[in-house]
Amino acid sequence: MSLDYTRLMLQTLKQYHKSDITLTFTNEEDVPVLSVRYLSNYFHVKNLNSSVVESYSELYPAVDYIEHSMVLKTLI
């Protein structure tokens, strides 16, 4: 997924903040590795392997974390 598309999808989550929408990112084998939700003015990015959740109040740090995580997942 491109950086622009990731940013657009997170902007969409924020736009529909009253809905419960979860984005799921998969690796090259279509195994889910990250999920993202927008709740209480924060992007919550969950690593599905470790269950660790990172929370971001701003869009760009969340996008950076997702992109960095996805690059690491493809290298493993």
PDB file of N, CA and C in Angstrom:
ATOM      1  N   MET A   1       0.861  -1.170   0.000  1.00  0.00           N
ATOM      2  CA  MET A   1       0.000   0.000   0.000  1.00  0.00           C
ATOM      3  C   MET A   1       0.903   1.226   0.000  1.00  0.00           C
ATOM      4  N   SER A   2       0.573   2.195  -0.809  1.00  0.00           N
ATOM      5  CA  SER A   2       1.392   3.391  -0.895  1.00  0.00           C
ATOM      6  C   SER A   2       1.200   4.284   0.329  1.00  0.00           C
ATOM      7  N   LEU A   3       2.175   5.127   0.547  1.00  0.00           N
ATOM      8  CA  LEU A   3       2.121   6.071   1.664  1.00  0.00           C
ATOM      9  C   LEU A   3       0.912   6.994   1.538  1.00  0.00           C
ATOM     10  N   ASP A   4       0.621   7.450   0.336  1.00  0.00           N
ATOM     11  CA  ASP A   4      -0.541   8.335   0.117  1.00  0.00           C
ATOM     12  C   ASP A   4      -1.850   7.620   0.426  1.00  0.00           C
ATOM     13  N   TYR A   5      -1.942   6.359   0.043  1.00  0.00           N
ATOM     14  CA  TYR A   5      -3.161   5.599   0.298  1.00  0.00           C
ATOM     15  C   TYR A   5      -3.337   5.332   1.798  1.00  0.00           C
ATOM     16  N   THR A   6      -2.244   5.034   2.471  1.00  0.00           N
ATOM     17  CA  THR A   6      -2.305   4.838   3.924  1.00  0.00           C
ATOM     18  C   THR A   6      -2.795   6.108   4.599  1.00  0.00           C
ATOM     19  N   ARG A   7      -2.245   7.226   4.199  1.00  0.00           N
ATOM     20  CA  ARG A   7      -2.654   8.518   4.763  1.00  0.00           C
ATOM     21  C   ARG A   7      -4.141   8.779   4.493  1.00  0.00           C
ATOM     22  N   LEU A   8      -4.596   8.513   3.287  1.00  0.00           N
ATOM     23  CA  LEU A   8      -6.001   8.705   2.930  1.00  0.00           C
ATOM     24  C   LEU A   8      -6.913   7.821   3.783  1.00  0.00           C
ATOM     25  N   MET A   9      -6.522   6.581   3.985  1.00  0.00           N
ATOM     26  CA  MET A   9      -7.339   5.668   4.783  1.00  0.00           C
ATOM     27  C   MET A   9      -7.427   6.134   6.241  1.00  0.00           C
ATOM     28  N   LEU A  10      -6.329   6.630   6.795  1.00  0.00           N
ATOM     29  CA  LEU A  10      -6.363   7.132   8.167  1.00  0.00           C
ATOM     30  C   LEU A  10      -7.179   8.419   8.270  1.00  0.00           C
ATOM     31  N   GLN A  11      -7.111   9.248   7.257  1.00  0.00           N
ATOM     32  CA  GLN A  11      -7.952  10.459   7.236  1.00  0.00           C
ATOM     33  C   GLN A  11      -9.424  10.062   7.207  1.00  0.00           C
ATOM     34  N   THR A  12      -9.744   8.998   6.485  1.00  0.00           N
ATOM     35  CA  THR A  12     -11.121   8.502   6.422  1.00  0.00           C
ATOM     36  C   THR A  12     -11.573   8.007   7.791  1.00  0.00           C
ATOM     37  N   LEU A  13     -10.705   7.281   8.492  1.00  0.00           N
ATOM     38  CA  LEU A  13     -11.044   6.852   9.852  1.00  0.00           C
ATOM     39  C   LEU A  13     -11.390   8.044  10.730  1.00  0.00           C
ATOM     40  N   LYS A  14     -10.579   9.079  10.636  1.00  0.00           N
ATOM     41  CA  LYS A  14     -10.793  10.280  11.455  1.00  0.00           C
ATOM     42  C   LYS A  14     -12.098  10.971  11.065  1.00  0.00           C
ATOM     43  N   GLN A  15     -12.385  11.017   9.783  1.00  0.00           N
ATOM     44  CA  GLN A  15     -13.601  11.662   9.294  1.00  0.00           C
ATOM     45  C   GLN A  15     -14.854  10.962   9.829  1.00  0.00           C
ATOM     46  N   TYR A  16     -14.789   9.650   9.951  1.00  0.00           N
ATOM     47  CA  TYR A  16     -15.932   8.872  10.437  1.00  0.00           C
ATOM     48  C   TYR A  16     -15.703   8.426  11.877  1.00  0.00           C
ATOM     49  N   HIS A  17     -15.252   9.338  12.707  1.00  0.00           N
ATOM     50  CA  HIS A  17     -14.873   9.031  14.083  1.00  0.00           C
ATOM     51  C   HIS A  17     -16.023   8.505  14.937  1.00  0.00           C
ATOM     52  N   LYS A  18     -17.250   8.722  14.522  1.00  0.00           N
ATOM     53  CA  LYS A  18     -18.385   8.202  15.297  1.00  0.00           C
ATOM     54  C   LYS A  18     -18.733   6.766  14.912  1.00  0.00           C
ATOM     55  N   SER A  19     -18.050   6.238  13.916  1.00  0.00           N
ATOM     56  CA  SER A  19     -18.244   4.845  13.502  1.00  0.00           C
ATOM     57  C   SER A  19     -17.113   3.999  14.066  1.00  0.00           C
ATOM     58  N   ASP A  20     -17.355   2.717  14.159  1.00  0.00           N
ATOM     59  CA  ASP A  20     -16.325   1.795  14.634  1.00  0.00           C
ATOM     60  C   ASP A  20     -15.753   1.062  13.421  1.00  0.00           C
ATOM     61  N   ILE A  21     -14.668   1.630  12.865  1.00  0.00           N
ATOM     62  CA  ILE A  21     -14.036   1.080  11.669  1.00  0.00           C
ATOM     63  C   ILE A  21     -12.631   0.640  12.039  1.00  0.00           C
ATOM     64  N   THR A  22     -12.262  -0.532  11.581  1.00  0.00           N
ATOM     65  CA  THR A  22     -10.913  -1.040  11.807  1.00  0.00           C
ATOM     66  C   THR A  22     -10.268  -1.340  10.462  1.00  0.00           C
ATOM     67  N   LEU A  23      -9.057  -0.824  10.275  1.00  0.00           N
ATOM     68  CA  LEU A  23      -8.262  -1.155   9.092  1.00  0.00           C
ATOM     69  C   LEU A  23      -7.302  -2.264   9.479  1.00  0.00           C
ATOM     70  N   THR A  24      -7.127  -3.221   8.604  1.00  0.00           N
ATOM     71  CA  THR A  24      -6.194  -4.310   8.861  1.00  0.00           C
ATOM     72  C   THR A  24      -5.163  -4.340   7.747  1.00  0.00           C
ATOM     73  N   PHE A  25      -3.899  -4.348   8.146  1.00  0.00           N
ATOM     74  CA  PHE A  25      -2.799  -4.416   7.206  1.00  0.00           C
ATOM     75  C   PHE A  25      -2.241  -5.831   7.237  1.00  0.00           C
ATOM     76  N   THR A  26      -2.010  -6.392   6.057  1.00  0.00           N
ATOM     77  CA  THR A  26      -1.491  -7.758   5.957  1.00  0.00           C
ATOM     78  C   THR A  26      -0.096  -7.748   5.348  1.00  0.00           C
ATOM     79  N   ASN A  27       0.633  -8.826   5.591  1.00  0.00           N
ATOM     80  CA  ASN A  27       1.950  -8.958   4.977  1.00  0.00           C
ATOM     81  C   ASN A  27       1.798  -9.554   3.579  1.00  0.00           C
ATOM     82  N   GLU A  28       2.920  -9.896   2.980  1.00  0.00           N
ATOM     83  CA  GLU A  28       2.895 -10.415   1.601  1.00  0.00           C
ATOM     84  C   GLU A  28       2.181 -11.764   1.480  1.00  0.00           C
ATOM     85  N   GLU A  29       2.052 -12.482   2.587  1.00  0.00           N
ATOM     86  CA  GLU A  29       1.348 -13.764   2.591  1.00  0.00           C
ATOM     87  C   GLU A  29      -0.107 -13.603   3.002  1.00  0.00           C
ATOM     88  N   ASP A  30      -0.596 -12.379   3.047  1.00  0.00           N
ATOM     89  CA  ASP A  30      -1.961 -12.043   3.449  1.00  0.00           C
ATOM     90  C   ASP A  30      -2.282 -12.407   4.896  1.00  0.00           C
ATOM     91  N   VAL A  31      -1.268 -12.415   5.734  1.00  0.00           N
ATOM     92  CA  VAL A  31      -1.449 -12.640   7.167  1.00  0.00           C
ATOM     93  C   VAL A  31      -1.606 -11.270   7.838  1.00  0.00           C
ATOM     94  N   PRO A  32      -2.660 -11.043   8.602  1.00  0.00           N
ATOM     95  CA  PRO A  32      -2.851  -9.756   9.276  1.00  0.00           C
ATOM     96  C   PRO A  32      -1.708  -9.482  10.263  1.00  0.00           C
ATOM     97  N   VAL A  33      -1.137  -8.273  10.176  1.00  0.00           N
ATOM     98  CA  VAL A  33      -0.028  -7.911  11.067  1.00  0.00           C
ATOM     99  C   VAL A  33      -0.303  -6.657  11.890  1.00  0.00           C
ATOM    100  N   LEU A  34      -1.136  -5.747  11.372  1.00  0.00           N
ATOM    101  CA  LEU A  34      -1.481  -4.520  12.088  1.00  0.00           C
ATOM    102  C   LEU A  34      -2.962  -4.228  11.939  1.00  0.00           C
ATOM    103  N   SER A  35      -3.539  -3.655  12.979  1.00  0.00           N
ATOM    104  CA  SER A  35      -4.898  -3.133  12.861  1.00  0.00           C
ATOM    105  C   SER A  35      -4.883  -1.697  13.372  1.00  0.00           C
ATOM    106  N   VAL A  36      -5.734  -0.878  12.790  1.00  0.00           N
ATOM    107  CA  VAL A  36      -5.783   0.549  13.150  1.00  0.00           C
ATOM    108  C   VAL A  36      -7.229   0.956  13.370  1.00  0.00           C
ATOM    109  N   ARG A  37      -7.445   1.659  14.481  1.00  0.00           N
ATOM    110  CA  ARG A  37      -8.766   2.215  14.804  1.00  0.00           C
ATOM    111  C   ARG A  37      -8.568   3.666  15.222  1.00  0.00           C
ATOM    112  N   TYR A  38      -9.613   4.456  15.066  1.00  0.00           N
ATOM    113  CA  TYR A  38      -9.584   5.842  15.531  1.00  0.00           C
ATOM    114  C   TYR A  38     -10.641   5.980  16.617  1.00  0.00           C
ATOM    115  N   LEU A  39     -10.184   6.133  17.849  1.00  0.00           N
ATOM    116  CA  LEU A  39     -11.074   6.243  19.000  1.00  0.00           C
ATOM    117  C   LEU A  39     -10.593   7.360  19.919  1.00  0.00           C
ATOM    118  N   SER A  40     -11.526   8.143  20.430  1.00  0.00           N
ATOM    119  CA  SER A  40     -11.212   9.191  21.412  1.00  0.00           C
ATOM    120  C   SER A  40     -10.091  10.109  20.938  1.00  0.00           C
ATOM    121  N   ASN A  41     -10.155  10.500  19.671  1.00  0.00           N
ATOM    122  CA  ASN A  41      -9.191  11.432  19.071  1.00  0.00           C
ATOM    123  C   ASN A  41      -7.775  10.876  18.941  1.00  0.00           C
ATOM    124  N   TYR A  42      -7.649   9.561  18.924  1.00  0.00           N
ATOM    125  CA  TYR A  42      -6.341   8.927  18.760  1.00  0.00           C
ATOM    126  C   TYR A  42      -6.424   7.810  17.733  1.00  0.00           C
ATOM    127  N   PHE A  43      -5.344   7.666  16.970  1.00  0.00           N
ATOM    128  CA  PHE A  43      -5.169   6.499  16.117  1.00  0.00           C
ATOM    129  C   PHE A  43      -4.517   5.431  16.990  1.00  0.00           C
ATOM    130  N   HIS A  44      -5.141   4.271  17.090  1.00  0.00           N
ATOM    131  CA  HIS A  44      -4.611   3.168  17.870  1.00  0.00           C
ATOM    132  C   HIS A  44      -4.146   2.096  16.891  1.00  0.00           C
ATOM    133  N   VAL A  45      -2.842   1.888  16.852  1.00  0.00           N
ATOM    134  CA  VAL A  45      -2.237   0.926  15.935  1.00  0.00           C
ATOM    135  C   VAL A  45      -1.790  -0.277  16.752  1.00  0.00           C
ATOM    136  N   LYS A  46      -2.385  -1.428  16.446  1.00  0.00           N
ATOM    137  CA  LYS A  46      -2.103  -2.641  17.215  1.00  0.00           C
ATOM    138  C   LYS A  46      -1.281  -3.618  16.382  1.00  0.00           C
ATOM    139  N   ASN A  47      -0.159  -4.037  16.936  1.00  0.00           N
ATOM    140  CA  ASN A  47       0.633  -5.098  16.332  1.00  0.00           C
ATOM    141  C   ASN A  47      -0.066  -6.405  16.673  1.00  0.00           C
ATOM    142  N   LEU A  48      -0.549  -7.109  15.689  1.00  0.00           N
ATOM    143  CA  LEU A  48      -1.342  -8.312  15.926  1.00  0.00           C
ATOM    144  C   LEU A  48      -0.507  -9.507  16.364  1.00  0.00           C
ATOM    145  N   ASN A  49       0.804  -9.425  16.205  1.00  0.00           N
ATOM    146  CA  ASN A  49       1.678 -10.508  16.675  1.00  0.00           C
ATOM    147  C   ASN A  49       1.982 -10.366  18.165  1.00  0.00           C
ATOM    148  N   SER A  50       2.204  -9.137  18.604  1.00  0.00           N
ATOM    149  CA  SER A  50       2.593  -8.911  20.000  1.00  0.00           C
ATOM    150  C   SER A  50       1.471  -8.327  20.852  1.00  0.00           C
ATOM    151  N   SER A  51       0.410  -7.861  20.220  1.00  0.00           N
ATOM    152  CA  SER A  51      -0.722  -7.192  20.887  1.00  0.00           C
ATOM    153  C   SER A  51      -0.363  -5.839  21.481  1.00  0.00           C
ATOM    154  N   VAL A  52       0.789  -5.304  21.136  1.00  0.00           N
ATOM    155  CA  VAL A  52       1.199  -3.976  21.596  1.00  0.00           C
ATOM    156  C   VAL A  52       0.428  -2.925  20.803  1.00  0.00           C
ATOM    157  N   VAL A  53      -0.105  -1.938  21.524  1.00  0.00           N
ATOM    158  CA  VAL A  53      -0.869  -0.864  20.894  1.00  0.00           C
ATOM    159  C   VAL A  53      -0.108   0.450  21.054  1.00  0.00           C
ATOM    160  N   GLU A  54       0.110   1.113  19.937  1.00  0.00           N
ATOM    161  CA  GLU A  54       0.705   2.448  19.934  1.00  0.00           C
ATOM    162  C   GLU A  54      -0.414   3.430  19.613  1.00  0.00           C
ATOM    163  N   SER A  55      -0.464   4.555  20.330  1.00  0.00           N
ATOM    164  CA  SER A  55      -1.522   5.549  20.125  1.00  0.00           C
ATOM    165  C   SER A  55      -0.913   6.866  19.671  1.00  0.00           C
ATOM    166  N   TYR A  56      -1.572   7.476  18.686  1.00  0.00           N
ATOM    167  CA  TYR A  56      -1.081   8.722  18.103  1.00  0.00           C
ATOM    168  C   TYR A  56      -2.228   9.711  17.963  1.00  0.00           C
ATOM    169  N   SER A  57      -2.003  10.935  18.413  1.00  0.00           N
ATOM    170  CA  SER A  57      -3.028  11.966  18.281  1.00  0.00           C
ATOM    171  C   SER A  57      -2.968  12.638  16.915  1.00  0.00           C
ATOM    172  N   GLU A  58      -1.838  12.518  16.235  1.00  0.00           N
ATOM    173  CA  GLU A  58      -1.652  13.145  14.930  1.00  0.00           C
ATOM    174  C   GLU A  58      -1.540  12.091  13.828  1.00  0.00           C
ATOM    175  N   LEU A  59      -1.962  12.477  12.644  1.00  0.00           N
ATOM    176  CA  LEU A  59      -1.986  11.583  11.488  1.00  0.00           C
ATOM    177  C   LEU A  59      -0.596  11.119  11.054  1.00  0.00           C
ATOM    178  N   TYR A  60       0.318  12.062  10.862  1.00  0.00           N
ATOM    179  CA  TYR A  60       1.603  11.716  10.247  1.00  0.00           C
ATOM    180  C   TYR A  60       2.469  10.775  11.089  1.00  0.00           C
ATOM    181  N   PRO A  61       2.546  10.932  12.395  1.00  0.00           N
ATOM    182  CA  PRO A  61       3.291   9.935  13.176  1.00  0.00           C
ATOM    183  C   PRO A  61       2.671   8.537  13.085  1.00  0.00           C
ATOM    184  N   ALA A  62       1.352   8.465  13.010  1.00  0.00           N
ATOM    185  CA  ALA A  62       0.681   7.168  12.868  1.00  0.00           C
ATOM    186  C   ALA A  62       1.028   6.539  11.518  1.00  0.00           C
ATOM    187  N   VAL A  63       0.990   7.330  10.469  1.00  0.00           N
ATOM    188  CA  VAL A  63       1.337   6.828   9.127  1.00  0.00           C
ATOM    189  C   VAL A  63       2.790   6.366   9.105  1.00  0.00           C
ATOM    190  N   ASP A  64       3.684   7.160   9.705  1.00  0.00           N
ATOM    191  CA  ASP A  64       5.099   6.781   9.746  1.00  0.00           C
ATOM    192  C   ASP A  64       5.299   5.459  10.477  1.00  0.00           C
ATOM    193  N   TYR A  65       4.618   5.283  11.596  1.00  0.00           N
ATOM    194  CA  TYR A  65       4.740   4.050  12.359  1.00  0.00           C
ATOM    195  C   TYR A  65       4.244   2.853  11.535  1.00  0.00           C
ATOM    196  N   ILE A  66       3.117   3.025  10.875  1.00  0.00           N
ATOM    197  CA  ILE A  66       2.565   1.945  10.048  1.00  0.00           C
ATOM    198  C   ILE A  66       3.529   1.591   8.917  1.00  0.00           C
ATOM    199  N   GLU A  67       4.003   2.586   8.221  1.00  0.00           N
ATOM    200  CA  GLU A  67       4.913   2.334   7.104  1.00  0.00           C
ATOM    201  C   GLU A  67       6.190   1.662   7.586  1.00  0.00           C
ATOM    202  N   HIS A  68       6.738   2.142   8.684  1.00  0.00           N
ATOM    203  CA  HIS A  68       7.960   1.544   9.238  1.00  0.00           C
ATOM    204  C   HIS A  68       7.699   0.095   9.647  1.00  0.00           C
ATOM    205  N   SER A  69       6.594  -0.150  10.293  1.00  0.00           N
ATOM    206  CA  SER A  69       6.249  -1.511  10.733  1.00  0.00           C
ATOM    207  C   SER A  69       6.063  -2.441   9.550  1.00  0.00           C
ATOM    208  N   MET A  70       5.429  -1.957   8.506  1.00  0.00           N
ATOM    209  CA  MET A  70       5.188  -2.814   7.339  1.00  0.00           C
ATOM    210  C   MET A  70       6.495  -3.141   6.621  1.00  0.00           C
ATOM    211  N   VAL A  71       7.425  -2.211   6.576  1.00  0.00           N
ATOM    212  CA  VAL A  71       8.728  -2.483   5.961  1.00  0.00           C
ATOM    213  C   VAL A  71       9.448  -3.551   6.780  1.00  0.00           C
ATOM    214  N   LEU A  72       9.414  -3.430   8.097  1.00  0.00           N
ATOM    215  CA  LEU A  72      10.060  -4.431   8.947  1.00  0.00           C
ATOM    216  C   LEU A  72       9.421  -5.801   8.771  1.00  0.00           C
ATOM    217  N   LYS A  73       8.091  -5.846   8.631  1.00  0.00           N
ATOM    218  CA  LYS A  73       7.392  -7.124   8.474  1.00  0.00           C
ATOM    219  C   LYS A  73       7.781  -7.820   7.171  1.00  0.00           C
ATOM    220  N   THR A  74       8.040  -7.041   6.129  1.00  0.00           N
ATOM    221  CA  THR A  74       8.389  -7.659   4.848  1.00  0.00           C
ATOM    222  C   THR A  74       9.835  -8.132   4.843  1.00  0.00           C
ATOM    223  N   LEU A  75      10.662  -7.587   5.744  1.00  0.00           N
ATOM    224  CA  LEU A  75      12.055  -8.002   5.801  1.00  0.00           C
ATOM    225  C   LEU A  75      12.259  -9.240   6.665  1.00  0.00           C
ATOM    226  N   ILE A  76      11.309  -9.555   7.512  1.00  0.00           N
ATOM    227  CA  ILE A  76      11.472 -10.690   8.433  1.00  0.00           C
ATOM    228  C   ILE A  76      11.248 -11.999   7.699  1.00  0.00           C
TER     229      ILE A  76
END
